[in-house]
């Protein structure tokens, strides 16, 4: 369904002479990612509304998207699988944040951020199976991942030092949960990729 919608949009732009035959596959893939992302966000917001954590979910989504955009991560075989998996991850992290992590939020954010930094140092960025990165882009994404991780870690430490209410709020907790969910996605993709390479050898 998403593929057909993406191709339909691509053909529309081809009729408007904005997209040509040589670039239609690239545009179609880009539209697929865009549509899939929109569906993901809409579904997450619906689930968040049902759980009563609508505003908190926005912080989860923002941090997750920021980290995934530079660090990469796991990609399901289908868009449907990706949407379902992301929704499942969101629900699990949300329930853990509400019923478990909130009890020791500062420690969770600090320890989680430090651990995430070392994971990023080892594996970032994680390439998508169908998208090879040049050496220059790999270096740029790696530096971006480390910079974002350093900033997030600094905020986590700051939340335990400065008595600023927002840094200890549920919104910050969900922000770091989204960040750590992205790190989990990266680690999963790296492990599966390594296993696949070893298996091929």
N, C-alpha and C. Protein backbone atom coordinates (compact mmCIF):
# COMPACT_ATOMS: atom_id res chain seq x y z
N UNK A 1 0.82 -1.21 0.00
CA UNK A 1 0.00 0.00 0.00
C UNK A 1 0.86 1.27 0.00
N UNK A 2 1.85 1.30 0.90
CA UNK A 2 2.74 2.47 0.98
C UNK A 2 3.54 2.61 -0.31
N UNK A 3 3.98 1.47 -0.85
CA UNK A 3 4.74 1.50 -2.10
C UNK A 3 3.89 2.09 -3.24
N UNK A 4 2.61 1.69 -3.29
CA UNK A 4 1.72 2.20 -4.35
C UNK A 4 1.47 3.70 -4.19
N UNK A 5 1.28 4.13 -2.94
CA UNK A 5 1.08 5.55 -2.69
C UNK A 5 2.31 6.36 -3.09
N UNK A 6 3.49 5.84 -2.74
CA UNK A 6 4.74 6.53 -3.07
C UNK A 6 4.94 6.61 -4.58
N UNK A 7 4.65 5.51 -5.26
CA UNK A 7 4.79 5.51 -6.71
C UNK A 7 3.77 6.44 -7.37
N UNK A 8 2.57 6.52 -6.80
CA UNK A 8 1.55 7.43 -7.31
C UNK A 8 1.99 8.88 -7.20
N UNK A 9 2.58 9.23 -6.05
CA UNK A 9 3.09 10.59 -5.87
C UNK A 9 4.24 10.87 -6.83
N UNK A 10 5.10 9.87 -7.01
CA UNK A 10 6.23 10.02 -7.93
C UNK A 10 5.75 10.25 -9.36
N UNK A 11 4.76 9.49 -9.78
CA UNK A 11 4.21 9.65 -11.13
C UNK A 11 3.57 11.02 -11.31
N UNK A 12 2.95 11.52 -10.25
CA UNK A 12 2.36 12.86 -10.31
C UNK A 12 3.44 13.90 -10.58
N UNK A 13 4.55 13.79 -9.87
CA UNK A 13 5.65 14.74 -10.07
C UNK A 13 6.33 14.54 -11.43
N UNK A 14 6.29 13.31 -11.93
CA UNK A 14 6.84 13.06 -13.27
C UNK A 14 5.99 13.76 -14.32
N UNK A 15 4.66 13.73 -14.13
CA UNK A 15 3.77 14.42 -15.08
C UNK A 15 3.97 15.93 -15.02
N UNK A 16 4.42 16.42 -13.88
CA UNK A 16 4.69 17.86 -13.72
C UNK A 16 6.12 18.22 -14.13
N UNK A 17 6.84 17.19 -14.64
CA UNK A 17 8.23 17.36 -15.08
C UNK A 17 9.18 17.79 -13.95
N UNK A 18 8.84 17.40 -12.73
CA UNK A 18 9.70 17.68 -11.59
C UNK A 18 10.65 16.51 -11.36
N UNK A 19 10.17 15.30 -11.65
CA UNK A 19 10.97 14.08 -11.52
C UNK A 19 11.10 13.44 -12.89
N UNK A 20 12.32 12.95 -13.21
CA UNK A 20 12.52 12.28 -14.51
C UNK A 20 12.64 10.77 -14.31
N UNK A 21 12.76 10.05 -15.41
CA UNK A 21 12.80 8.60 -15.39
C UNK A 21 14.00 8.06 -14.61
N UNK A 22 15.13 8.78 -14.69
CA UNK A 22 16.36 8.31 -14.05
C UNK A 22 16.30 8.40 -12.51
N UNK A 23 15.53 9.33 -12.02
CA UNK A 23 15.51 9.55 -10.56
C UNK A 23 14.22 9.08 -9.89
N UNK A 24 13.33 8.46 -10.66
CA UNK A 24 12.02 8.10 -10.09
C UNK A 24 12.13 7.09 -8.95
N UNK A 25 13.08 6.14 -9.06
CA UNK A 25 13.23 5.14 -8.01
C UNK A 25 13.69 5.79 -6.70
N UNK A 26 14.61 6.75 -6.83
CA UNK A 26 15.10 7.46 -5.65
C UNK A 26 13.98 8.24 -4.97
N UNK A 27 13.19 8.96 -5.78
CA UNK A 27 12.07 9.73 -5.24
C UNK A 27 11.01 8.82 -4.63
N UNK A 28 10.75 7.70 -5.31
CA UNK A 28 9.74 6.77 -4.81
C UNK A 28 10.16 6.21 -3.45
N UNK A 29 11.43 5.87 -3.30
CA UNK A 29 11.93 5.36 -2.02
C UNK A 29 11.83 6.44 -0.94
N UNK A 30 12.16 7.66 -1.31
CA UNK A 30 12.06 8.77 -0.35
C UNK A 30 10.63 9.00 0.11
N UNK A 31 9.69 8.92 -0.84
CA UNK A 31 8.27 9.09 -0.48
C UNK A 31 7.78 7.94 0.39
N UNK A 32 8.30 6.74 0.14
CA UNK A 32 7.93 5.59 0.98
C UNK A 32 8.35 5.83 2.43
N UNK A 33 9.58 6.33 2.61
CA UNK A 33 10.07 6.63 3.95
C UNK A 33 9.24 7.72 4.61
N UNK A 34 8.88 8.73 3.83
CA UNK A 34 8.08 9.84 4.37
C UNK A 34 6.70 9.37 4.81
N UNK A 35 6.04 8.60 3.96
CA UNK A 35 4.70 8.09 4.27
C UNK A 35 4.75 7.16 5.48
N UNK A 36 5.77 6.29 5.49
CA UNK A 36 5.93 5.35 6.61
C UNK A 36 6.15 6.10 7.92
N UNK A 37 6.96 7.16 7.87
CA UNK A 37 7.23 7.97 9.06
C UNK A 37 5.97 8.65 9.56
N UNK A 38 5.18 9.21 8.63
CA UNK A 38 3.93 9.87 8.99
C UNK A 38 2.95 8.88 9.64
N UNK A 39 2.86 7.68 9.05
CA UNK A 39 1.98 6.65 9.62
C UNK A 39 2.46 6.25 11.01
N UNK A 40 3.78 6.14 11.17
CA UNK A 40 4.36 5.82 12.48
C UNK A 40 3.96 6.83 13.53
N UNK A 41 4.14 8.10 13.18
CA UNK A 41 3.87 9.18 14.13
C UNK A 41 2.38 9.23 14.49
N UNK A 42 1.52 9.10 13.49
CA UNK A 42 0.07 9.13 13.74
C UNK A 42 -0.34 7.99 14.67
N UNK A 43 0.18 6.79 14.40
CA UNK A 43 -0.17 5.63 15.24
C UNK A 43 0.35 5.81 16.67
N UNK A 44 1.57 6.33 16.78
CA UNK A 44 2.15 6.56 18.11
C UNK A 44 1.32 7.57 18.89
N UNK A 45 0.88 8.63 18.21
CA UNK A 45 0.09 9.66 18.88
C UNK A 45 -1.27 9.11 19.33
N UNK A 46 -1.84 8.22 18.52
CA UNK A 46 -3.12 7.59 18.90
C UNK A 46 -2.93 6.72 20.14
N UNK A 47 -1.86 5.91 20.13
CA UNK A 47 -1.57 5.04 21.28
C UNK A 47 -1.28 5.89 22.51
N UNK A 48 -0.50 6.96 22.32
CA UNK A 48 -0.14 7.84 23.44
C UNK A 48 -1.38 8.52 24.02
N UNK A 49 -2.30 8.91 23.15
CA UNK A 49 -3.54 9.52 23.61
C UNK A 49 -4.33 8.53 24.48
N UNK A 50 -4.37 7.27 24.03
CA UNK A 50 -5.10 6.24 24.79
C UNK A 50 -4.43 5.97 26.14
N UNK A 51 -3.10 6.11 26.21
CA UNK A 51 -2.37 5.87 27.45
C UNK A 51 -2.29 7.12 28.33
N UNK A 52 -2.76 8.26 27.79
CA UNK A 52 -2.73 9.51 28.55
C UNK A 52 -1.36 10.14 28.63
N UNK A 53 -0.51 9.89 27.64
CA UNK A 53 0.86 10.44 27.64
C UNK A 53 1.15 11.14 26.30
N UNK A 54 0.20 11.90 25.84
CA UNK A 54 0.32 12.52 24.51
C UNK A 54 1.50 13.48 24.44
N UNK A 55 1.61 14.39 25.38
CA UNK A 55 2.71 15.36 25.34
C UNK A 55 4.06 14.68 25.55
N UNK A 56 4.11 13.69 26.43
CA UNK A 56 5.35 12.97 26.68
C UNK A 56 5.82 12.23 25.42
N UNK A 57 4.87 11.72 24.65
CA UNK A 57 5.23 10.96 23.45
C UNK A 57 5.97 11.82 22.42
N UNK A 58 5.66 13.11 22.39
CA UNK A 58 6.33 14.01 21.45
C UNK A 58 7.83 14.08 21.76
N UNK A 59 8.18 14.08 23.04
CA UNK A 59 9.59 14.11 23.43
C UNK A 59 10.26 12.79 23.05
N UNK A 60 9.56 11.69 23.20
CA UNK A 60 10.08 10.38 22.80
C UNK A 60 10.37 10.37 21.30
N UNK A 61 9.42 10.83 20.52
CA UNK A 61 9.55 10.82 19.06
C UNK A 61 10.71 11.71 18.62
N UNK A 62 10.81 12.91 19.19
CA UNK A 62 11.86 13.86 18.80
C UNK A 62 13.25 13.28 19.03
N UNK A 63 13.50 12.76 20.22
CA UNK A 63 14.83 12.22 20.51
C UNK A 63 15.13 10.98 19.68
N UNK A 64 14.11 10.14 19.47
CA UNK A 64 14.30 8.94 18.67
C UNK A 64 14.67 9.30 17.23
N UNK A 65 13.94 10.24 16.66
CA UNK A 65 14.18 10.65 15.27
C UNK A 65 15.54 11.31 15.12
N UNK A 66 15.91 12.17 16.08
CA UNK A 66 17.21 12.85 16.02
C UNK A 66 18.34 11.83 16.00
N UNK A 67 18.28 10.85 16.91
CA UNK A 67 19.36 9.87 17.00
C UNK A 67 19.38 8.94 15.79
N UNK A 68 18.20 8.51 15.35
CA UNK A 68 18.13 7.61 14.19
C UNK A 68 18.62 8.28 12.92
N UNK A 69 18.38 9.61 12.81
CA UNK A 69 18.74 10.31 11.58
C UNK A 69 20.26 10.37 11.36
N UNK A 70 21.03 10.30 12.44
CA UNK A 70 22.48 10.35 12.29
C UNK A 70 23.15 9.01 12.60
N UNK A 71 22.53 8.21 13.46
CA UNK A 71 23.15 6.96 13.87
C UNK A 71 22.71 5.73 13.10
N UNK A 72 21.56 5.83 12.42
CA UNK A 72 21.03 4.67 11.73
C UNK A 72 20.29 3.76 12.71
N UNK A 73 20.01 2.55 12.26
CA UNK A 73 19.31 1.62 13.14
C UNK A 73 18.68 0.48 12.38
N UNK A 74 17.91 -0.32 13.09
CA UNK A 74 17.28 -1.50 12.50
C UNK A 74 16.15 -1.12 11.57
N UNK A 75 16.08 -1.81 10.43
CA UNK A 75 15.00 -1.63 9.47
C UNK A 75 14.28 -2.95 9.28
N UNK A 76 12.98 -2.96 9.50
CA UNK A 76 12.19 -4.16 9.25
C UNK A 76 12.11 -4.42 7.75
N UNK A 77 11.76 -5.64 7.39
CA UNK A 77 11.72 -6.00 5.97
C UNK A 77 10.60 -5.29 5.21
N UNK A 78 9.54 -4.91 5.91
CA UNK A 78 8.41 -4.23 5.28
C UNK A 78 8.05 -2.96 6.07
N UNK A 79 7.37 -2.04 5.40
CA UNK A 79 6.93 -0.82 6.08
C UNK A 79 5.92 -1.13 7.19
N UNK A 80 5.07 -2.11 6.92
CA UNK A 80 4.10 -2.53 7.93
C UNK A 80 4.80 -3.06 9.16
N UNK A 81 5.83 -3.86 8.94
CA UNK A 81 6.61 -4.41 10.04
C UNK A 81 7.31 -3.31 10.82
N UNK A 82 7.80 -2.30 10.10
CA UNK A 82 8.48 -1.18 10.74
C UNK A 82 7.52 -0.40 11.64
N UNK A 83 6.32 -0.14 11.14
CA UNK A 83 5.31 0.61 11.89
C UNK A 83 4.90 -0.15 13.15
N UNK A 84 4.65 -1.45 13.00
CA UNK A 84 4.24 -2.27 14.14
C UNK A 84 5.36 -2.35 15.18
N UNK A 85 6.59 -2.55 14.70
CA UNK A 85 7.73 -2.68 15.60
C UNK A 85 7.97 -1.39 16.38
N UNK A 86 7.90 -0.26 15.70
CA UNK A 86 8.14 1.01 16.37
C UNK A 86 7.06 1.28 17.42
N UNK A 87 5.83 0.94 17.08
CA UNK A 87 4.72 1.11 18.03
C UNK A 87 4.94 0.22 19.25
N UNK A 88 5.38 -1.00 19.03
CA UNK A 88 5.63 -1.94 20.12
C UNK A 88 6.75 -1.43 21.03
N UNK A 89 7.83 -0.93 20.41
CA UNK A 89 8.95 -0.38 21.18
C UNK A 89 8.49 0.81 22.01
N UNK A 90 7.67 1.67 21.41
CA UNK A 90 7.16 2.84 22.11
C UNK A 90 6.33 2.43 23.33
N UNK A 91 5.45 1.48 23.15
CA UNK A 91 4.59 1.02 24.25
C UNK A 91 5.44 0.42 25.38
N UNK A 92 6.41 -0.41 25.03
CA UNK A 92 7.25 -1.05 26.05
C UNK A 92 8.04 0.00 26.83
N UNK A 93 8.70 0.92 26.13
CA UNK A 93 9.49 1.95 26.81
C UNK A 93 8.60 2.89 27.61
N UNK A 94 7.41 3.16 27.12
CA UNK A 94 6.48 4.04 27.84
C UNK A 94 6.04 3.41 29.14
N UNK A 95 5.65 2.15 29.10
CA UNK A 95 5.22 1.45 30.31
C UNK A 95 6.36 1.32 31.31
N UNK A 96 7.57 1.05 30.80
CA UNK A 96 8.73 0.97 31.69
C UNK A 96 9.02 2.32 32.33
N UNK A 97 8.88 3.39 31.53
CA UNK A 97 9.13 4.74 32.04
C UNK A 97 8.13 5.11 33.13
N UNK A 98 6.87 4.76 32.91
CA UNK A 98 5.81 5.12 33.85
C UNK A 98 5.91 4.31 35.14
N UNK A 99 6.11 3.00 35.01
CA UNK A 99 6.00 2.13 36.18
C UNK A 99 7.34 1.70 36.80
N UNK A 100 8.46 1.97 36.11
CA UNK A 100 9.74 1.52 36.65
C UNK A 100 10.80 2.63 36.66
N UNK A 101 11.10 3.18 35.49
CA UNK A 101 12.21 4.13 35.39
C UNK A 101 11.96 5.41 36.18
N UNK A 102 10.70 5.80 36.35
CA UNK A 102 10.39 7.05 37.04
C UNK A 102 10.87 7.02 38.49
N UNK A 103 10.99 5.82 39.05
CA UNK A 103 11.39 5.69 40.46
C UNK A 103 12.85 6.09 40.66
N UNK A 104 13.67 5.92 39.64
CA UNK A 104 15.08 6.31 39.74
C UNK A 104 15.49 7.00 38.44
N UNK A 105 14.74 8.04 38.09
CA UNK A 105 14.89 8.73 36.81
C UNK A 105 16.29 9.26 36.56
N UNK A 106 16.86 9.94 37.55
CA UNK A 106 18.19 10.55 37.37
C UNK A 106 19.24 9.49 37.08
N UNK A 107 19.23 8.41 37.84
CA UNK A 107 20.20 7.33 37.63
C UNK A 107 19.98 6.66 36.28
N UNK A 108 18.74 6.47 35.93
CA UNK A 108 18.39 5.86 34.64
C UNK A 108 18.94 6.68 33.49
N UNK A 109 18.76 8.01 33.56
CA UNK A 109 19.22 8.88 32.48
C UNK A 109 20.74 8.94 32.40
N UNK A 110 21.40 9.03 33.56
CA UNK A 110 22.86 9.14 33.57
C UNK A 110 23.52 7.84 33.11
N UNK A 111 23.16 6.73 33.74
CA UNK A 111 23.76 5.43 33.40
C UNK A 111 23.42 5.06 31.96
N UNK A 112 22.15 5.27 31.58
CA UNK A 112 21.73 4.96 30.21
C UNK A 112 22.48 5.79 29.18
N UNK A 113 22.68 7.07 29.45
CA UNK A 113 23.37 7.94 28.51
C UNK A 113 24.84 7.59 28.36
N UNK A 114 25.49 7.28 29.49
CA UNK A 114 26.90 6.89 29.43
C UNK A 114 27.07 5.59 28.65
N UNK A 115 26.21 4.61 28.94
CA UNK A 115 26.26 3.34 28.22
C UNK A 115 26.00 3.56 26.72
N UNK A 116 25.03 4.44 26.42
CA UNK A 116 24.70 4.74 25.02
C UNK A 116 25.88 5.36 24.30
N UNK A 117 26.62 6.24 24.99
CA UNK A 117 27.78 6.89 24.38
C UNK A 117 28.80 5.86 23.93
N UNK A 118 29.08 4.86 24.77
CA UNK A 118 30.06 3.84 24.42
C UNK A 118 29.56 2.94 23.29
N UNK A 119 28.25 2.70 23.25
CA UNK A 119 27.67 1.92 22.14
C UNK A 119 27.85 2.69 20.83
N UNK A 120 27.56 3.98 20.87
CA UNK A 120 27.71 4.81 19.68
C UNK A 120 29.17 4.87 19.25
N UNK A 121 30.06 4.97 20.21
CA UNK A 121 31.49 5.02 19.90
C UNK A 121 31.93 3.77 19.13
N UNK A 122 31.33 2.64 19.48
CA UNK A 122 31.72 1.38 18.86
C UNK A 122 31.09 1.14 17.50
N UNK A 123 29.83 1.54 17.31
CA UNK A 123 29.12 1.08 16.11
C UNK A 123 28.60 2.17 15.18
N UNK A 124 28.50 3.41 15.65
CA UNK A 124 27.88 4.46 14.82
C UNK A 124 28.78 4.88 13.66
N UNK A 125 28.16 5.17 12.50
CA UNK A 125 26.74 4.95 12.18
C UNK A 125 26.52 3.54 11.64
N UNK A 126 25.29 3.07 11.76
CA UNK A 126 24.93 1.74 11.26
C UNK A 126 24.28 1.91 9.89
N UNK A 127 24.87 1.30 8.88
CA UNK A 127 24.36 1.43 7.52
C UNK A 127 23.07 0.64 7.32
N UNK A 128 22.18 1.18 6.51
CA UNK A 128 21.00 0.43 6.07
C UNK A 128 21.45 -0.59 5.04
N UNK A 129 20.79 -1.75 4.96
CA UNK A 129 21.21 -2.80 4.03
C UNK A 129 21.27 -2.34 2.57
N UNK A 130 20.36 -1.45 2.19
CA UNK A 130 20.29 -1.03 0.79
C UNK A 130 20.86 0.37 0.56
N UNK A 131 21.67 0.83 1.51
CA UNK A 131 22.21 2.18 1.38
C UNK A 131 23.65 2.22 1.88
N UNK A 132 24.59 2.26 0.94
CA UNK A 132 25.99 2.33 1.28
C UNK A 132 26.40 3.77 1.54
N UNK A 133 27.22 3.97 2.55
CA UNK A 133 27.67 5.31 2.90
C UNK A 133 29.12 5.51 2.45
N UNK A 134 29.39 6.70 1.94
CA UNK A 134 30.76 7.03 1.58
C UNK A 134 31.57 7.25 2.85
N UNK A 135 32.89 7.24 2.71
CA UNK A 135 33.76 7.43 3.86
C UNK A 135 33.53 8.80 4.50
N UNK A 136 33.32 9.81 3.66
CA UNK A 136 33.11 11.17 4.16
C UNK A 136 31.80 11.26 4.94
N UNK A 137 30.74 10.66 4.39
CA UNK A 137 29.44 10.71 5.05
C UNK A 137 29.45 9.87 6.33
N UNK A 138 30.14 8.74 6.30
CA UNK A 138 30.26 7.91 7.50
C UNK A 138 30.91 8.69 8.63
N UNK A 139 31.99 9.41 8.30
CA UNK A 139 32.68 10.21 9.31
C UNK A 139 31.79 11.33 9.84
N UNK A 140 31.04 11.95 8.93
CA UNK A 140 30.15 13.05 9.32
C UNK A 140 29.04 12.55 10.25
N UNK A 141 28.44 11.42 9.91
CA UNK A 141 27.38 10.86 10.73
C UNK A 141 27.91 10.36 12.07
N UNK A 142 29.11 9.81 12.06
CA UNK A 142 29.71 9.35 13.31
C UNK A 142 29.95 10.53 14.25
N UNK A 143 30.54 11.60 13.72
CA UNK A 143 30.79 12.78 14.54
C UNK A 143 29.48 13.37 15.05
N UNK A 144 28.46 13.38 14.20
CA UNK A 144 27.15 13.89 14.61
C UNK A 144 26.55 13.05 15.72
N UNK A 145 26.68 11.73 15.61
CA UNK A 145 26.16 10.82 16.63
C UNK A 145 26.85 11.03 17.97
N UNK A 146 28.17 11.17 17.93
CA UNK A 146 28.93 11.38 19.16
C UNK A 146 28.62 12.73 19.79
N UNK A 147 28.43 13.74 18.94
CA UNK A 147 28.10 15.07 19.46
C UNK A 147 26.74 15.06 20.16
N UNK A 148 25.74 14.46 19.52
CA UNK A 148 24.40 14.39 20.11
C UNK A 148 24.42 13.57 21.39
N UNK A 149 25.15 12.47 21.36
CA UNK A 149 25.25 11.63 22.56
C UNK A 149 25.92 12.38 23.71
N UNK A 150 26.95 13.15 23.39
CA UNK A 150 27.64 13.93 24.42
C UNK A 150 26.72 14.97 25.03
N UNK A 151 25.92 15.63 24.17
CA UNK A 151 24.98 16.64 24.66
C UNK A 151 23.92 16.01 25.56
N UNK A 152 23.38 14.87 25.13
CA UNK A 152 22.36 14.18 25.91
C UNK A 152 22.92 13.73 27.26
N UNK A 153 24.16 13.23 27.25
CA UNK A 153 24.80 12.80 28.49
C UNK A 153 25.01 13.98 29.43
N UNK A 154 25.42 15.11 28.87
CA UNK A 154 25.63 16.32 29.67
C UNK A 154 24.31 16.77 30.33
N UNK A 155 23.23 16.69 29.56
CA UNK A 155 21.91 17.07 30.10
C UNK A 155 21.51 16.11 31.22
N UNK A 156 21.79 14.82 31.03
CA UNK A 156 21.45 13.83 32.05
C UNK A 156 22.20 14.10 33.35
N UNK A 157 23.48 14.42 33.24
CA UNK A 157 24.29 14.73 34.42
C UNK A 157 23.79 16.03 35.05
N UNK A 158 23.50 17.01 34.19
CA UNK A 158 23.02 18.31 34.68
C UNK A 158 21.72 18.17 35.46
N UNK A 159 20.87 17.23 35.04
CA UNK A 159 19.59 17.03 35.71
C UNK A 159 19.75 16.57 37.15
N UNK A 160 20.92 16.01 37.46
CA UNK A 160 21.19 15.53 38.81
C UNK A 160 21.92 16.57 39.66
N UNK A 161 22.29 17.68 39.02
CA UNK A 161 23.05 18.72 39.73
C UNK A 161 22.21 19.98 39.92
N UNK A 162 21.57 20.41 38.83
CA UNK A 162 20.80 21.65 38.85
C UNK A 162 19.36 21.36 39.27
N UNK A 163 18.84 22.13 40.17
CA UNK A 163 17.46 21.93 40.64
C UNK A 163 16.48 22.66 39.73
N UNK A 164 16.43 22.20 38.47
CA UNK A 164 15.51 22.78 37.50
C UNK A 164 14.41 21.76 37.26
N UNK A 165 13.17 22.04 37.66
CA UNK A 165 12.08 21.05 37.63
C UNK A 165 11.91 20.32 36.30
N UNK A 166 12.08 21.07 35.19
CA UNK A 166 11.82 20.44 33.90
C UNK A 166 12.78 19.28 33.62
N UNK A 167 14.05 19.41 34.09
CA UNK A 167 15.04 18.37 33.85
C UNK A 167 14.70 17.07 34.58
N UNK A 168 13.79 17.15 35.55
CA UNK A 168 13.39 15.97 36.31
C UNK A 168 11.94 15.55 36.00
N UNK A 169 11.38 16.10 34.96
CA UNK A 169 9.99 15.85 34.63
C UNK A 169 9.81 14.57 33.83
N UNK A 170 8.55 14.16 33.70
CA UNK A 170 8.23 12.98 32.90
C UNK A 170 8.60 13.19 31.44
N UNK A 171 8.56 14.44 30.97
CA UNK A 171 8.90 14.73 29.58
C UNK A 171 10.36 14.41 29.29
N UNK A 172 11.25 14.77 30.21
CA UNK A 172 12.67 14.46 30.04
C UNK A 172 12.90 12.97 30.12
N UNK A 173 12.15 12.29 30.96
CA UNK A 173 12.27 10.84 31.09
C UNK A 173 11.91 10.18 29.76
N UNK A 174 10.84 10.63 29.15
CA UNK A 174 10.44 10.07 27.85
C UNK A 174 11.41 10.47 26.75
N UNK A 175 11.99 11.65 26.87
CA UNK A 175 13.00 12.09 25.90
C UNK A 175 14.17 11.12 25.90
N UNK A 176 14.65 10.76 27.08
CA UNK A 176 15.78 9.83 27.17
C UNK A 176 15.37 8.41 26.82
N UNK A 177 14.12 8.06 27.06
CA UNK A 177 13.64 6.74 26.65
C UNK A 177 13.65 6.62 25.13
N UNK A 178 13.24 7.70 24.45
CA UNK A 178 13.29 7.70 22.99
C UNK A 178 14.71 7.59 22.48
N UNK A 179 15.61 8.29 23.14
CA UNK A 179 17.03 8.24 22.78
C UNK A 179 17.59 6.83 22.96
N UNK A 180 17.29 6.21 24.09
CA UNK A 180 17.80 4.87 24.36
C UNK A 180 17.13 3.82 23.47
N UNK A 181 15.88 4.07 23.08
CA UNK A 181 15.22 3.17 22.13
C UNK A 181 15.94 3.21 20.79
N UNK A 182 16.40 4.40 20.39
CA UNK A 182 17.15 4.54 19.14
C UNK A 182 18.49 3.81 19.24
N UNK A 183 19.13 3.89 20.40
CA UNK A 183 20.40 3.19 20.60
C UNK A 183 20.19 1.68 20.53
N UNK A 184 19.09 1.20 21.11
CA UNK A 184 18.76 -0.23 21.05
C UNK A 184 18.56 -0.65 19.60
N UNK A 185 17.91 0.20 18.81
CA UNK A 185 17.70 -0.08 17.40
C UNK A 185 19.04 -0.18 16.66
N UNK A 186 19.96 0.74 16.97
CA UNK A 186 21.29 0.73 16.37
C UNK A 186 22.04 -0.55 16.72
N UNK A 187 22.01 -0.91 18.00
CA UNK A 187 22.73 -2.10 18.46
C UNK A 187 22.18 -3.36 17.82
N UNK A 188 20.85 -3.44 17.72
CA UNK A 188 20.20 -4.59 17.08
C UNK A 188 20.62 -4.71 15.62
N UNK A 189 20.61 -3.59 14.91
CA UNK A 189 21.00 -3.59 13.50
C UNK A 189 22.46 -4.00 13.34
N UNK A 190 23.33 -3.50 14.21
CA UNK A 190 24.76 -3.83 14.12
C UNK A 190 25.00 -5.31 14.38
N UNK A 191 24.31 -5.87 15.38
CA UNK A 191 24.47 -7.29 15.71
C UNK A 191 23.98 -8.17 14.56
N UNK A 192 22.82 -7.84 14.02
CA UNK A 192 22.26 -8.63 12.92
C UNK A 192 23.13 -8.52 11.67
N UNK A 193 23.65 -7.33 11.42
CA UNK A 193 24.51 -7.13 10.25
C UNK A 193 25.80 -7.94 10.38
N UNK A 194 26.38 -7.93 11.59
CA UNK A 194 27.60 -8.70 11.83
C UNK A 194 27.33 -10.19 11.70
N UNK A 195 26.20 -10.64 12.23
CA UNK A 195 25.83 -12.05 12.14
C UNK A 195 25.64 -12.46 10.68
N UNK A 196 25.03 -11.56 9.89
CA UNK A 196 24.79 -11.85 8.48
C UNK A 196 26.09 -11.96 7.71
N UNK A 197 27.05 -11.07 8.03
CA UNK A 197 28.34 -11.09 7.34
C UNK A 197 29.10 -12.36 7.68
N UNK A 198 29.09 -12.72 8.98
CA UNK A 198 29.78 -13.94 9.41
C UNK A 198 29.15 -15.18 8.77
N UNK A 199 27.83 -15.18 8.69
CA UNK A 199 27.09 -16.31 8.11
C UNK A 199 27.43 -16.47 6.64
N UNK A 200 27.58 -15.34 5.94
CA UNK A 200 27.90 -15.38 4.51
C UNK A 200 29.30 -15.92 4.28
N UNK A 201 30.20 -15.60 5.23
CA UNK A 201 31.57 -16.09 5.10
C UNK A 201 31.67 -17.59 5.37
